[in-house]
């Protein structure tokens, strides 16, 4: 269970990175047109004060015969996020992470900076800022000519082998993205709907145990 939770956190932090930072020189060795398109899309997303996105998620590992599918929703504001996905809720205010497992009635609390398995957007940016290579995947063809597949490959492949992003170059949006990790797992997120600049309740990015008296709190800080 812990490995699955950590894998989801890692991939979702990559998702947060896409919508919270600009690339600048991060793809300096990339295909020029792919780099420019990706920068334009990310800059647009980075201009939002916050957003909500409905997601469809799949995790596939051919060798292990795994094909897992889930749906959920994510809320993002700066380094804070809230992920609700079939049986678990992951919340962070940028410093603390609450992982609430509904079935077991447990919430695990950890510090973002102390968690080796969790990757914050800033940590990813620091690690990979100069090491991305982006290019168009010329083998991918779509009926909609506005859709373009961009492959991102880091020189340092400690966290993932590559990331593929399907971009609508007319709308300047990311339709879906896939992350290929070093264990043969492929995580794919389809962005079904994204709504920017919404009004969020003050407690969106925190977990108050007093409001959940029946939940067991496991403080790992």
N, C-alpha and C. Protein backbone atom coordinates (compact mmCIF):
# COMPACT_ATOMS: atom_id res chain seq x y z
N UNK A 1 0.83 -1.20 0.00
CA UNK A 1 0.00 0.00 0.00
C UNK A 1 0.86 1.25 0.00
N UNK A 2 1.93 1.25 0.85
CA UNK A 2 2.79 2.44 0.95
C UNK A 2 3.46 2.74 -0.39
N UNK A 3 3.95 1.70 -1.09
CA UNK A 3 4.60 1.91 -2.38
C UNK A 3 3.65 2.52 -3.38
N UNK A 4 2.41 2.04 -3.41
CA UNK A 4 1.42 2.56 -4.36
C UNK A 4 1.11 4.02 -4.06
N UNK A 5 0.98 4.36 -2.77
CA UNK A 5 0.72 5.75 -2.39
C UNK A 5 1.88 6.63 -2.81
N UNK A 6 3.10 6.19 -2.55
CA UNK A 6 4.27 6.99 -2.88
C UNK A 6 4.42 7.17 -4.38
N UNK A 7 4.13 6.11 -5.16
CA UNK A 7 4.18 6.23 -6.62
C UNK A 7 3.19 7.28 -7.09
N UNK A 8 1.98 7.28 -6.52
CA UNK A 8 0.98 8.26 -6.92
C UNK A 8 1.43 9.67 -6.56
N UNK A 9 2.03 9.84 -5.39
CA UNK A 9 2.54 11.15 -4.99
C UNK A 9 3.60 11.63 -5.98
N UNK A 10 4.52 10.75 -6.35
CA UNK A 10 5.59 11.15 -7.25
C UNK A 10 5.05 11.64 -8.59
N UNK A 11 4.13 10.87 -9.15
CA UNK A 11 3.58 11.24 -10.44
C UNK A 11 2.76 12.51 -10.35
N UNK A 12 1.98 12.66 -9.29
CA UNK A 12 1.16 13.85 -9.14
C UNK A 12 2.00 15.09 -8.90
N UNK A 13 3.16 14.93 -8.28
CA UNK A 13 4.05 16.09 -8.12
C UNK A 13 4.60 16.52 -9.48
N UNK A 14 4.82 15.56 -10.36
CA UNK A 14 5.22 15.91 -11.72
C UNK A 14 4.11 16.68 -12.40
N UNK A 15 2.88 16.27 -12.15
CA UNK A 15 1.72 16.98 -12.70
C UNK A 15 1.69 18.42 -12.19
N UNK A 16 1.91 18.59 -10.89
CA UNK A 16 1.89 19.93 -10.31
C UNK A 16 2.98 20.80 -10.92
N UNK A 17 4.13 20.21 -11.17
CA UNK A 17 5.23 20.97 -11.78
C UNK A 17 4.81 21.58 -13.10
N UNK A 18 4.09 20.83 -13.90
CA UNK A 18 3.69 21.30 -15.21
C UNK A 18 2.86 22.57 -15.14
N UNK A 19 2.09 22.73 -14.05
CA UNK A 19 1.17 23.85 -13.95
C UNK A 19 1.63 24.92 -12.98
N UNK A 20 2.85 24.82 -12.46
CA UNK A 20 3.25 25.79 -11.45
C UNK A 20 4.58 26.46 -11.72
N UNK A 21 5.30 26.07 -12.77
CA UNK A 21 6.59 26.70 -13.05
C UNK A 21 6.73 26.94 -14.54
N UNK A 22 7.67 27.81 -14.88
CA UNK A 22 8.04 27.99 -16.28
C UNK A 22 9.32 27.22 -16.54
N UNK A 23 9.52 26.84 -17.79
CA UNK A 23 10.66 25.98 -18.11
C UNK A 23 11.94 26.78 -18.35
N UNK A 24 11.87 27.96 -18.94
CA UNK A 24 13.01 28.80 -19.28
C UNK A 24 14.09 27.98 -19.99
N UNK A 25 15.24 27.76 -19.36
CA UNK A 25 16.34 27.06 -20.01
C UNK A 25 16.30 25.56 -19.79
N UNK A 26 15.23 25.06 -19.20
CA UNK A 26 15.20 23.65 -18.84
C UNK A 26 15.24 22.73 -20.04
N UNK A 27 14.85 23.22 -21.22
CA UNK A 27 14.86 22.39 -22.41
C UNK A 27 15.76 23.02 -23.47
N UNK A 28 16.89 23.52 -23.03
CA UNK A 28 17.77 24.27 -23.93
C UNK A 28 18.28 23.44 -25.10
N UNK A 29 18.38 22.13 -24.93
CA UNK A 29 18.89 21.28 -25.99
C UNK A 29 17.76 20.61 -26.78
N UNK A 30 16.56 21.17 -26.69
CA UNK A 30 15.41 20.52 -27.25
C UNK A 30 15.09 20.99 -28.66
N UNK A 31 14.17 20.27 -29.31
CA UNK A 31 13.61 20.72 -30.56
C UNK A 31 13.00 22.11 -30.32
N UNK A 32 13.38 23.07 -31.13
CA UNK A 32 13.00 24.46 -30.88
C UNK A 32 11.49 24.65 -30.85
N UNK A 33 10.76 24.07 -31.80
CA UNK A 33 9.31 24.25 -31.86
C UNK A 33 8.61 23.56 -30.69
N UNK A 34 9.10 22.37 -30.32
CA UNK A 34 8.51 21.65 -29.19
C UNK A 34 8.74 22.44 -27.90
N UNK A 35 9.95 22.98 -27.76
CA UNK A 35 10.27 23.78 -26.58
C UNK A 35 9.36 25.00 -26.48
N UNK A 36 9.18 25.69 -27.59
CA UNK A 36 8.37 26.90 -27.56
C UNK A 36 6.92 26.60 -27.24
N UNK A 37 6.38 25.55 -27.83
CA UNK A 37 4.99 25.18 -27.56
C UNK A 37 4.81 24.81 -26.10
N UNK A 38 5.73 24.03 -25.55
CA UNK A 38 5.63 23.63 -24.16
C UNK A 38 5.74 24.83 -23.23
N UNK A 39 6.64 25.73 -23.53
CA UNK A 39 6.77 26.94 -22.72
C UNK A 39 5.50 27.78 -22.73
N UNK A 40 4.89 27.90 -23.91
CA UNK A 40 3.66 28.69 -24.03
C UNK A 40 2.53 28.08 -23.21
N UNK A 41 2.41 26.75 -23.27
CA UNK A 41 1.34 26.07 -22.52
C UNK A 41 1.56 26.22 -21.02
N UNK A 42 2.79 25.99 -20.57
CA UNK A 42 3.07 26.05 -19.14
C UNK A 42 2.94 27.47 -18.61
N UNK A 43 3.38 28.45 -19.40
CA UNK A 43 3.24 29.84 -18.98
C UNK A 43 1.77 30.23 -18.82
N UNK A 44 0.93 29.71 -19.70
CA UNK A 44 -0.51 29.97 -19.58
C UNK A 44 -1.05 29.38 -18.29
N UNK A 45 -0.69 28.12 -18.01
CA UNK A 45 -1.17 27.47 -16.81
C UNK A 45 -0.62 28.14 -15.56
N UNK A 46 0.62 28.60 -15.62
CA UNK A 46 1.25 29.23 -14.46
C UNK A 46 0.61 30.58 -14.13
N UNK A 47 -0.13 31.14 -15.07
CA UNK A 47 -0.77 32.44 -14.83
C UNK A 47 -2.02 32.30 -13.96
N UNK A 48 -2.53 31.07 -13.80
CA UNK A 48 -3.72 30.86 -12.98
C UNK A 48 -3.36 31.00 -11.50
N UNK A 49 -4.24 31.60 -10.72
CA UNK A 49 -4.00 31.68 -9.28
C UNK A 49 -4.24 30.32 -8.62
N UNK A 50 -5.14 29.54 -9.21
CA UNK A 50 -5.39 28.17 -8.77
C UNK A 50 -6.18 27.46 -9.86
N UNK A 51 -6.41 26.17 -9.69
CA UNK A 51 -7.27 25.46 -10.64
C UNK A 51 -7.78 24.16 -10.03
N UNK A 52 -8.85 23.68 -10.64
CA UNK A 52 -9.41 22.37 -10.33
C UNK A 52 -9.41 21.56 -11.62
N UNK A 53 -9.03 20.29 -11.53
CA UNK A 53 -9.03 19.45 -12.73
C UNK A 53 -9.60 18.08 -12.41
N UNK A 54 -10.51 17.61 -13.26
CA UNK A 54 -11.00 16.24 -13.17
C UNK A 54 -10.03 15.36 -13.96
N UNK A 55 -9.69 14.22 -13.36
CA UNK A 55 -8.67 13.36 -13.95
C UNK A 55 -9.16 11.93 -14.13
N UNK A 56 -8.64 11.30 -15.16
CA UNK A 56 -8.76 9.86 -15.33
C UNK A 56 -7.34 9.30 -15.33
N UNK A 57 -7.11 8.31 -14.48
CA UNK A 57 -5.75 7.83 -14.23
C UNK A 57 -5.63 6.34 -14.58
N UNK A 58 -4.55 5.97 -15.24
CA UNK A 58 -4.25 4.55 -15.46
C UNK A 58 -2.79 4.29 -15.09
N UNK A 59 -2.55 3.10 -14.54
CA UNK A 59 -1.19 2.66 -14.24
C UNK A 59 -1.03 1.28 -14.85
N UNK A 60 -0.08 1.17 -15.79
CA UNK A 60 0.11 -0.07 -16.54
C UNK A 60 1.54 -0.58 -16.36
N UNK A 61 1.66 -1.87 -16.10
CA UNK A 61 2.96 -2.55 -16.11
C UNK A 61 2.76 -3.87 -16.83
N UNK A 62 3.26 -3.94 -18.06
CA UNK A 62 3.02 -5.11 -18.91
C UNK A 62 3.61 -6.37 -18.30
N UNK A 63 4.84 -6.30 -17.82
CA UNK A 63 5.52 -7.48 -17.28
C UNK A 63 4.80 -8.04 -16.06
N UNK A 64 4.23 -7.16 -15.24
CA UNK A 64 3.55 -7.60 -14.03
C UNK A 64 2.05 -7.76 -14.23
N UNK A 65 1.58 -7.60 -15.47
CA UNK A 65 0.17 -7.75 -15.82
C UNK A 65 -0.72 -6.85 -14.96
N UNK A 66 -0.33 -5.58 -14.83
CA UNK A 66 -1.09 -4.60 -14.06
C UNK A 66 -1.73 -3.59 -15.00
N UNK A 67 -3.01 -3.38 -14.83
CA UNK A 67 -3.72 -2.35 -15.59
C UNK A 67 -4.77 -1.74 -14.66
N UNK A 68 -4.35 -0.72 -13.93
CA UNK A 68 -5.18 -0.11 -12.90
C UNK A 68 -5.78 1.19 -13.42
N UNK A 69 -7.06 1.38 -13.17
CA UNK A 69 -7.74 2.59 -13.63
C UNK A 69 -8.46 3.26 -12.48
N UNK A 70 -8.37 4.58 -12.42
CA UNK A 70 -9.04 5.35 -11.38
C UNK A 70 -9.46 6.71 -11.95
N UNK A 71 -10.39 7.33 -11.26
CA UNK A 71 -10.78 8.69 -11.60
C UNK A 71 -10.70 9.54 -10.34
N UNK A 72 -10.55 10.83 -10.51
CA UNK A 72 -10.45 11.69 -9.34
C UNK A 72 -10.42 13.15 -9.72
N UNK A 73 -10.09 13.96 -8.72
CA UNK A 73 -10.04 15.40 -8.92
C UNK A 73 -8.85 15.95 -8.16
N UNK A 74 -8.25 17.01 -8.70
CA UNK A 74 -7.11 17.65 -8.05
C UNK A 74 -7.35 19.15 -7.98
N UNK A 75 -6.98 19.73 -6.84
CA UNK A 75 -7.03 21.18 -6.65
C UNK A 75 -5.60 21.66 -6.39
N UNK A 76 -5.20 22.73 -7.07
CA UNK A 76 -3.84 23.23 -6.92
C UNK A 76 -3.85 24.74 -6.73
N UNK A 77 -3.05 25.18 -5.77
CA UNK A 77 -2.85 26.62 -5.57
C UNK A 77 -1.42 26.82 -5.07
N UNK A 78 -0.55 27.31 -5.95
CA UNK A 78 0.86 27.43 -5.58
C UNK A 78 1.45 26.06 -5.30
N UNK A 79 2.11 25.89 -4.15
CA UNK A 79 2.67 24.61 -3.76
C UNK A 79 1.67 23.75 -2.99
N UNK A 80 0.47 24.27 -2.77
CA UNK A 80 -0.56 23.52 -2.05
C UNK A 80 -1.40 22.71 -3.04
N UNK A 81 -1.84 21.54 -2.61
CA UNK A 81 -2.67 20.72 -3.49
C UNK A 81 -3.56 19.79 -2.67
N UNK A 82 -4.61 19.34 -3.31
CA UNK A 82 -5.54 18.37 -2.73
C UNK A 82 -5.94 17.40 -3.82
N UNK A 83 -5.74 16.11 -3.58
CA UNK A 83 -6.04 15.08 -4.56
C UNK A 83 -7.06 14.12 -3.96
N UNK A 84 -8.17 13.97 -4.61
CA UNK A 84 -9.20 13.03 -4.17
C UNK A 84 -9.34 11.96 -5.25
N UNK A 85 -8.97 10.73 -4.91
CA UNK A 85 -8.96 9.69 -5.93
C UNK A 85 -9.32 8.34 -5.34
N UNK A 86 -10.56 7.95 -5.50
CA UNK A 86 -11.07 6.61 -5.18
C UNK A 86 -10.43 5.96 -3.96
N UNK A 87 -10.87 6.36 -2.79
CA UNK A 87 -10.43 5.70 -1.57
C UNK A 87 -9.34 6.41 -0.82
N UNK A 88 -8.76 7.44 -1.39
CA UNK A 88 -7.75 8.18 -0.65
C UNK A 88 -7.74 9.65 -1.01
N UNK A 89 -7.37 10.45 -0.05
CA UNK A 89 -7.25 11.89 -0.24
C UNK A 89 -5.85 12.30 0.20
N UNK A 90 -5.12 12.96 -0.66
CA UNK A 90 -3.78 13.43 -0.34
C UNK A 90 -3.81 14.96 -0.33
N UNK A 91 -3.42 15.54 0.78
CA UNK A 91 -3.51 16.99 0.97
C UNK A 91 -2.15 17.53 1.38
N UNK A 92 -1.80 18.69 0.86
CA UNK A 92 -0.57 19.35 1.31
C UNK A 92 -0.75 20.86 1.27
N UNK A 93 -0.22 21.51 2.30
CA UNK A 93 -0.20 22.97 2.33
C UNK A 93 1.16 23.50 1.88
N UNK A 94 1.98 22.63 1.30
CA UNK A 94 3.32 22.99 0.85
C UNK A 94 4.39 22.61 1.85
N UNK A 95 3.98 22.33 3.09
CA UNK A 95 4.93 21.95 4.13
C UNK A 95 4.61 20.58 4.73
N UNK A 96 3.32 20.34 4.94
CA UNK A 96 2.87 19.09 5.55
C UNK A 96 2.03 18.30 4.56
N UNK A 97 2.15 16.98 4.59
CA UNK A 97 1.35 16.10 3.74
C UNK A 97 0.46 15.23 4.62
N UNK A 98 -0.84 15.23 4.31
CA UNK A 98 -1.79 14.35 4.97
C UNK A 98 -2.27 13.32 3.94
N UNK A 99 -2.06 12.05 4.22
CA UNK A 99 -2.54 10.99 3.33
C UNK A 99 -3.66 10.24 4.05
N UNK A 100 -4.87 10.50 3.61
CA UNK A 100 -6.06 9.96 4.28
C UNK A 100 -6.58 8.76 3.51
N UNK A 101 -6.50 7.57 4.13
CA UNK A 101 -7.01 6.34 3.52
C UNK A 101 -8.40 6.08 4.07
N UNK A 102 -9.41 6.28 3.24
CA UNK A 102 -10.79 6.21 3.72
C UNK A 102 -11.18 4.82 4.20
N UNK A 103 -10.77 3.77 3.48
CA UNK A 103 -11.19 2.41 3.83
C UNK A 103 -10.69 1.99 5.21
N UNK A 104 -9.45 2.36 5.53
CA UNK A 104 -8.87 1.96 6.81
C UNK A 104 -9.11 2.97 7.91
N UNK A 105 -9.63 4.15 7.55
CA UNK A 105 -9.87 5.18 8.54
C UNK A 105 -8.60 5.70 9.18
N UNK A 106 -7.55 5.85 8.37
CA UNK A 106 -6.27 6.32 8.86
C UNK A 106 -5.82 7.55 8.07
N UNK A 107 -5.11 8.44 8.75
CA UNK A 107 -4.47 9.55 8.07
C UNK A 107 -3.01 9.58 8.51
N UNK A 108 -2.11 9.55 7.54
CA UNK A 108 -0.68 9.60 7.82
C UNK A 108 -0.18 11.02 7.59
N UNK A 109 0.55 11.56 8.56
CA UNK A 109 1.05 12.93 8.48
C UNK A 109 2.56 12.90 8.34
N UNK A 110 3.08 13.63 7.38
CA UNK A 110 4.53 13.70 7.18
C UNK A 110 4.92 15.09 6.73
N UNK A 111 6.19 15.42 6.92
CA UNK A 111 6.72 16.69 6.43
C UNK A 111 7.14 16.53 4.98
N UNK A 112 6.81 17.49 4.16
CA UNK A 112 7.21 17.44 2.77
C UNK A 112 8.72 17.31 2.63
N UNK A 113 9.46 18.10 3.38
CA UNK A 113 10.91 18.13 3.23
C UNK A 113 11.58 16.87 3.77
N UNK A 114 10.91 16.14 4.66
CA UNK A 114 11.49 14.94 5.24
C UNK A 114 11.15 13.67 4.46
N UNK A 115 10.27 13.79 3.49
CA UNK A 115 9.80 12.61 2.77
C UNK A 115 10.64 12.38 1.53
N UNK A 116 11.41 11.28 1.53
CA UNK A 116 12.26 10.96 0.37
C UNK A 116 11.43 10.54 -0.83
N UNK A 117 10.25 9.98 -0.57
CA UNK A 117 9.45 9.45 -1.65
C UNK A 117 8.58 10.52 -2.31
N UNK A 118 8.32 11.61 -1.58
CA UNK A 118 7.46 12.65 -2.11
C UNK A 118 8.29 13.73 -2.76
N UNK A 119 7.88 14.19 -3.92
CA UNK A 119 8.64 15.17 -4.67
C UNK A 119 7.83 16.44 -4.78
N UNK A 120 8.34 17.51 -4.24
CA UNK A 120 7.65 18.79 -4.37
C UNK A 120 8.00 19.40 -5.72
N UNK A 121 7.16 20.30 -6.23
CA UNK A 121 7.49 20.97 -7.49
C UNK A 121 8.85 21.64 -7.46
N UNK A 122 9.18 22.27 -6.34
CA UNK A 122 10.47 22.94 -6.25
C UNK A 122 11.62 21.95 -6.30
N UNK A 123 11.44 20.78 -5.70
CA UNK A 123 12.49 19.78 -5.70
C UNK A 123 12.74 19.24 -7.10
N UNK A 124 11.65 19.01 -7.83
CA UNK A 124 11.79 18.54 -9.21
C UNK A 124 12.49 19.59 -10.04
N UNK A 125 12.08 20.85 -9.86
CA UNK A 125 12.67 21.93 -10.64
C UNK A 125 14.16 22.03 -10.37
N UNK A 126 14.56 21.91 -9.10
CA UNK A 126 15.97 21.99 -8.75
C UNK A 126 16.75 20.84 -9.37
N UNK A 127 16.15 19.65 -9.36
CA UNK A 127 16.84 18.46 -9.85
C UNK A 127 16.98 18.46 -11.36
N UNK A 128 15.93 18.87 -12.07
CA UNK A 128 15.91 18.69 -13.51
C UNK A 128 15.96 19.98 -14.32
N UNK A 129 16.17 21.11 -13.66
CA UNK A 129 16.01 22.39 -14.35
C UNK A 129 16.86 22.53 -15.61
N UNK A 130 18.04 21.93 -15.62
CA UNK A 130 18.92 22.07 -16.78
C UNK A 130 19.02 20.76 -17.57
N UNK A 131 18.20 19.78 -17.27
CA UNK A 131 18.44 18.45 -17.80
C UNK A 131 17.31 17.84 -18.62
N UNK A 132 16.34 18.63 -19.03
CA UNK A 132 15.29 18.11 -19.89
C UNK A 132 15.67 18.21 -21.36
N UNK A 133 15.24 17.25 -22.12
CA UNK A 133 15.34 17.32 -23.58
C UNK A 133 13.94 17.08 -24.13
N UNK A 134 13.41 18.03 -24.87
CA UNK A 134 12.05 17.92 -25.40
C UNK A 134 12.07 17.82 -26.91
N UNK A 135 11.19 16.98 -27.45
CA UNK A 135 11.08 16.86 -28.90
C UNK A 135 9.69 16.35 -29.25
N UNK A 136 9.25 16.65 -30.46
CA UNK A 136 7.98 16.12 -30.94
C UNK A 136 8.14 14.64 -31.26
N UNK A 137 7.12 13.85 -30.91
CA UNK A 137 7.07 12.44 -31.29
C UNK A 137 6.42 12.36 -32.66
N UNK A 138 7.24 12.21 -33.69
CA UNK A 138 6.73 12.24 -35.07
C UNK A 138 5.93 10.99 -35.42
N UNK A 139 6.05 9.94 -34.61
CA UNK A 139 5.33 8.70 -34.90
C UNK A 139 3.86 8.75 -34.47
N UNK A 140 3.52 9.71 -33.62
CA UNK A 140 2.15 9.82 -33.13
C UNK A 140 1.33 10.71 -34.07
N UNK A 141 0.28 10.14 -34.64
CA UNK A 141 -0.59 10.88 -35.56
C UNK A 141 -2.02 10.92 -35.00
N UNK A 142 -2.67 12.07 -35.12
CA UNK A 142 -4.01 12.22 -34.58
C UNK A 142 -4.92 12.84 -35.64
N UNK A 143 -6.21 12.48 -35.56
CA UNK A 143 -7.19 13.04 -36.50
C UNK A 143 -7.26 14.55 -36.34
N UNK A 144 -7.15 15.01 -35.10
CA UNK A 144 -7.13 16.44 -34.83
C UNK A 144 -5.70 16.95 -35.03
N UNK A 145 -5.49 17.73 -36.06
CA UNK A 145 -4.14 18.19 -36.39
C UNK A 145 -3.58 19.16 -35.35
N UNK A 146 -4.45 19.65 -34.44
CA UNK A 146 -3.98 20.57 -33.41
C UNK A 146 -3.28 19.84 -32.27
N UNK A 147 -3.42 18.52 -32.22
CA UNK A 147 -2.81 17.75 -31.14
C UNK A 147 -1.37 17.37 -31.49
N UNK A 148 -0.46 17.62 -30.56
CA UNK A 148 0.95 17.31 -30.75
C UNK A 148 1.47 16.57 -29.52
N UNK A 149 2.23 15.50 -29.76
CA UNK A 149 2.84 14.76 -28.67
C UNK A 149 4.28 15.23 -28.47
N UNK A 150 4.59 15.61 -27.24
CA UNK A 150 5.94 16.06 -26.90
C UNK A 150 6.54 15.09 -25.89
N UNK A 151 7.73 14.60 -26.19
CA UNK A 151 8.46 13.72 -25.27
C UNK A 151 9.47 14.55 -24.48
N UNK A 152 9.48 14.39 -23.17
CA UNK A 152 10.46 15.03 -22.30
C UNK A 152 11.33 13.94 -21.67
N UNK A 153 12.64 14.06 -21.84
CA UNK A 153 13.55 13.09 -21.27
C UNK A 153 14.58 13.78 -20.39
N UNK A 154 14.73 13.36 -19.14
CA UNK A 154 15.76 13.93 -18.27
C UNK A 154 17.08 13.18 -18.45
N UNK A 155 18.17 13.90 -18.34
CA UNK A 155 19.47 13.23 -18.37
C UNK A 155 19.63 12.35 -17.14
N UNK A 156 19.19 12.88 -16.01
CA UNK A 156 19.23 12.12 -14.76
C UNK A 156 17.90 11.39 -14.62
N UNK A 157 17.92 10.07 -14.78
CA UNK A 157 16.69 9.29 -14.81
C UNK A 157 16.42 8.58 -13.48
N UNK A 158 16.77 9.24 -12.38
CA UNK A 158 16.55 8.62 -11.07
C UNK A 158 15.07 8.47 -10.75
N UNK A 159 14.25 9.45 -11.18
CA UNK A 159 12.84 9.42 -10.83
C UNK A 159 11.96 8.88 -11.95
N UNK A 160 12.28 9.22 -13.20
CA UNK A 160 11.49 8.70 -14.31
C UNK A 160 12.32 8.65 -15.58
N UNK A 161 11.95 7.74 -16.48
CA UNK A 161 12.68 7.55 -17.73
C UNK A 161 12.33 8.65 -18.74
N UNK A 162 11.04 8.91 -18.86
CA UNK A 162 10.60 9.98 -19.76
C UNK A 162 9.16 10.36 -19.42
N UNK A 163 8.73 11.49 -19.97
CA UNK A 163 7.36 11.94 -19.83
C UNK A 163 6.86 12.32 -21.22
N UNK A 164 5.66 11.91 -21.56
CA UNK A 164 5.05 12.28 -22.84
C UNK A 164 3.82 13.13 -22.58
N UNK A 165 3.71 14.24 -23.28
CA UNK A 165 2.59 15.15 -23.09
C UNK A 165 1.85 15.36 -24.40
N UNK A 166 0.53 15.18 -24.37
CA UNK A 166 -0.31 15.45 -25.52
C UNK A 166 -0.86 16.87 -25.37
N UNK A 167 -0.46 17.75 -26.29
CA UNK A 167 -0.76 19.17 -26.18
C UNK A 167 -1.69 19.61 -27.31
N UNK A 168 -2.68 20.40 -26.98
CA UNK A 168 -3.52 21.04 -27.99
C UNK A 168 -2.91 22.41 -28.26
N UNK A 169 -2.27 22.55 -29.42
CA UNK A 169 -1.53 23.78 -29.68
C UNK A 169 -2.43 24.97 -30.00
N UNK A 170 -3.69 24.71 -30.31
CA UNK A 170 -4.62 25.81 -30.55
C UNK A 170 -5.15 26.37 -29.23
N UNK A 171 -5.56 25.46 -28.34
CA UNK A 171 -6.11 25.88 -27.05
C UNK A 171 -5.02 26.16 -26.02
N UNK A 172 -3.80 25.72 -26.31
CA UNK A 172 -2.68 25.84 -25.38
C UNK A 172 -2.99 25.12 -24.07
N UNK A 173 -3.40 23.87 -24.20
CA UNK A 173 -3.72 23.05 -23.04
C UNK A 173 -3.04 21.71 -23.15
N UNK A 174 -2.84 21.05 -22.00
CA UNK A 174 -2.33 19.68 -21.98
C UNK A 174 -3.53 18.75 -21.86
N UNK A 175 -3.70 17.89 -22.85
CA UNK A 175 -4.83 16.96 -22.86
C UNK A 175 -4.58 15.75 -21.96
N UNK A 176 -3.38 15.22 -22.03
CA UNK A 176 -2.98 14.13 -21.14
C UNK A 176 -1.46 14.04 -21.08
N UNK A 177 -0.97 13.31 -20.10
CA UNK A 177 0.47 13.08 -20.03
C UNK A 177 0.73 11.71 -19.42
N UNK A 178 1.84 11.13 -19.83
CA UNK A 178 2.25 9.82 -19.32
C UNK A 178 3.66 9.91 -18.76
N UNK A 179 3.88 9.21 -17.65
CA UNK A 179 5.19 9.14 -17.04
C UNK A 179 5.65 7.68 -17.05
N UNK A 180 6.86 7.46 -17.57
CA UNK A 180 7.46 6.13 -17.64
C UNK A 180 8.54 6.06 -16.58
N UNK A 181 8.35 5.19 -15.56
CA UNK A 181 9.36 5.15 -14.51
C UNK A 181 10.35 4.02 -14.74
N UNK A 182 11.36 3.95 -13.87
CA UNK A 182 12.46 3.01 -14.07
C UNK A 182 12.06 1.56 -13.75
N UNK A 183 10.86 1.37 -13.18
CA UNK A 183 10.41 0.02 -12.84
C UNK A 183 9.46 -0.58 -13.88
N UNK A 184 9.33 0.10 -15.01
CA UNK A 184 8.47 -0.40 -16.07
C UNK A 184 7.02 0.02 -15.94
N UNK A 185 6.72 0.91 -15.00
CA UNK A 185 5.36 1.41 -14.83
C UNK A 185 5.11 2.59 -15.75
N UNK A 186 3.91 2.65 -16.31
CA UNK A 186 3.50 3.79 -17.13
C UNK A 186 2.25 4.39 -16.49
N UNK A 187 2.37 5.61 -15.99
CA UNK A 187 1.27 6.32 -15.35
C UNK A 187 0.73 7.34 -16.36
N UNK A 188 -0.56 7.28 -16.64
CA UNK A 188 -1.16 8.20 -17.60
C UNK A 188 -2.32 8.94 -16.95
N UNK A 189 -2.32 10.26 -17.12
CA UNK A 189 -3.39 11.11 -16.61
C UNK A 189 -4.07 11.83 -17.76
N UNK A 190 -5.37 11.63 -17.90
CA UNK A 190 -6.18 12.35 -18.88
C UNK A 190 -6.86 13.50 -18.14
N UNK A 191 -6.65 14.69 -18.63
CA UNK A 191 -7.26 15.87 -18.02
C UNK A 191 -8.62 16.08 -18.67
N UNK A 192 -9.67 15.63 -18.01
CA UNK A 192 -11.01 15.66 -18.58
C UNK A 192 -11.56 17.08 -18.60
N UNK A 193 -11.29 17.81 -17.54
CA UNK A 193 -11.80 19.17 -17.45
C UNK A 193 -10.90 19.94 -16.50
N UNK A 194 -10.56 21.17 -16.88
CA UNK A 194 -9.74 22.02 -16.02
C UNK A 194 -10.40 23.38 -15.89
N UNK A 195 -10.65 23.78 -14.64
CA UNK A 195 -11.30 25.06 -14.37
C UNK A 195 -10.35 25.94 -13.56
N UNK A 196 -9.89 27.06 -14.12
CA UNK A 196 -8.94 27.92 -13.40
C UNK A 196 -9.64 28.99 -12.56
N UNK A 197 -8.87 29.55 -11.63
CA UNK A 197 -9.27 30.73 -10.87
C UNK A 197 -10.63 30.58 -10.20
N UNK A 198 -10.74 29.56 -9.37
CA UNK A 198 -12.00 29.30 -8.67
C UNK A 198 -11.89 29.73 -7.21
N UNK A 199 -13.04 29.83 -6.54
CA UNK A 199 -13.07 30.15 -5.12
C UNK A 199 -13.01 28.85 -4.33
N UNK A 200 -12.01 28.73 -3.45
CA UNK A 200 -11.81 27.51 -2.68
C UNK A 200 -12.02 27.78 -1.19
N UNK A 201 -12.63 26.84 -0.47
CA UNK A 201 -12.78 26.99 0.98
C UNK A 201 -11.41 27.12 1.66
N UNK A 202 -11.32 27.84 2.78
CA UNK A 202 -10.03 28.04 3.46
C UNK A 202 -9.33 26.75 3.88
N UNK A 203 -10.12 25.70 4.16
CA UNK A 203 -9.52 24.46 4.65
C UNK A 203 -9.26 23.44 3.54
N UNK A 204 -9.24 23.88 2.30
CA UNK A 204 -9.04 22.96 1.17
C UNK A 204 -7.70 22.23 1.28
N UNK A 205 -6.67 22.92 1.76
CA UNK A 205 -5.32 22.36 1.72
C UNK A 205 -4.80 22.01 3.11
N UNK A 206 -5.70 21.68 4.03
CA UNK A 206 -5.32 21.19 5.35
C UNK A 206 -6.26 20.07 5.77
N UNK A 207 -5.81 19.27 6.73
CA UNK A 207 -6.65 18.21 7.29
C UNK A 207 -6.75 18.44 8.79
N UNK A 208 -7.96 18.65 9.28
CA UNK A 208 -8.18 18.92 10.70
C UNK A 208 -8.70 17.64 11.37
N UNK A 209 -7.87 16.96 12.18
CA UNK A 209 -8.30 15.72 12.85
C UNK A 209 -9.52 15.92 13.74
N UNK A 210 -9.73 17.14 14.25
CA UNK A 210 -10.88 17.39 15.11
C UNK A 210 -12.20 17.23 14.36
N UNK A 211 -12.15 17.43 13.05
CA UNK A 211 -13.35 17.26 12.23
C UNK A 211 -13.55 15.80 11.82
N UNK A 212 -12.58 14.95 12.16
CA UNK A 212 -12.65 13.53 11.82
C UNK A 212 -12.27 12.72 13.06
N UNK A 213 -13.09 12.76 14.10
CA UNK A 213 -12.74 12.12 15.38
C UNK A 213 -12.57 10.61 15.30
N UNK A 214 -13.16 9.97 14.30
CA UNK A 214 -13.06 8.51 14.21
C UNK A 214 -11.85 8.05 13.39
N UNK A 215 -11.06 8.99 12.89
CA UNK A 215 -9.92 8.64 12.07
C UNK A 215 -8.66 8.50 12.92
N UNK A 216 -7.92 7.41 12.72
CA UNK A 216 -6.65 7.20 13.44
C UNK A 216 -5.56 8.05 12.80
N UNK A 217 -4.89 8.83 13.63
CA UNK A 217 -3.83 9.71 13.14
C UNK A 217 -2.48 9.04 13.37
N UNK A 218 -1.73 8.87 12.28
CA UNK A 218 -0.38 8.29 12.36
C UNK A 218 0.60 9.40 11.98
N UNK A 219 1.22 9.99 13.00
CA UNK A 219 2.12 11.13 12.78
C UNK A 219 3.53 10.61 12.55
N UNK A 220 4.02 10.78 11.32
CA UNK A 220 5.35 10.26 10.94
C UNK A 220 6.40 11.35 10.93
N UNK A 221 6.08 12.52 11.47
CA UNK A 221 7.04 13.63 11.48
C UNK A 221 8.09 13.45 12.58
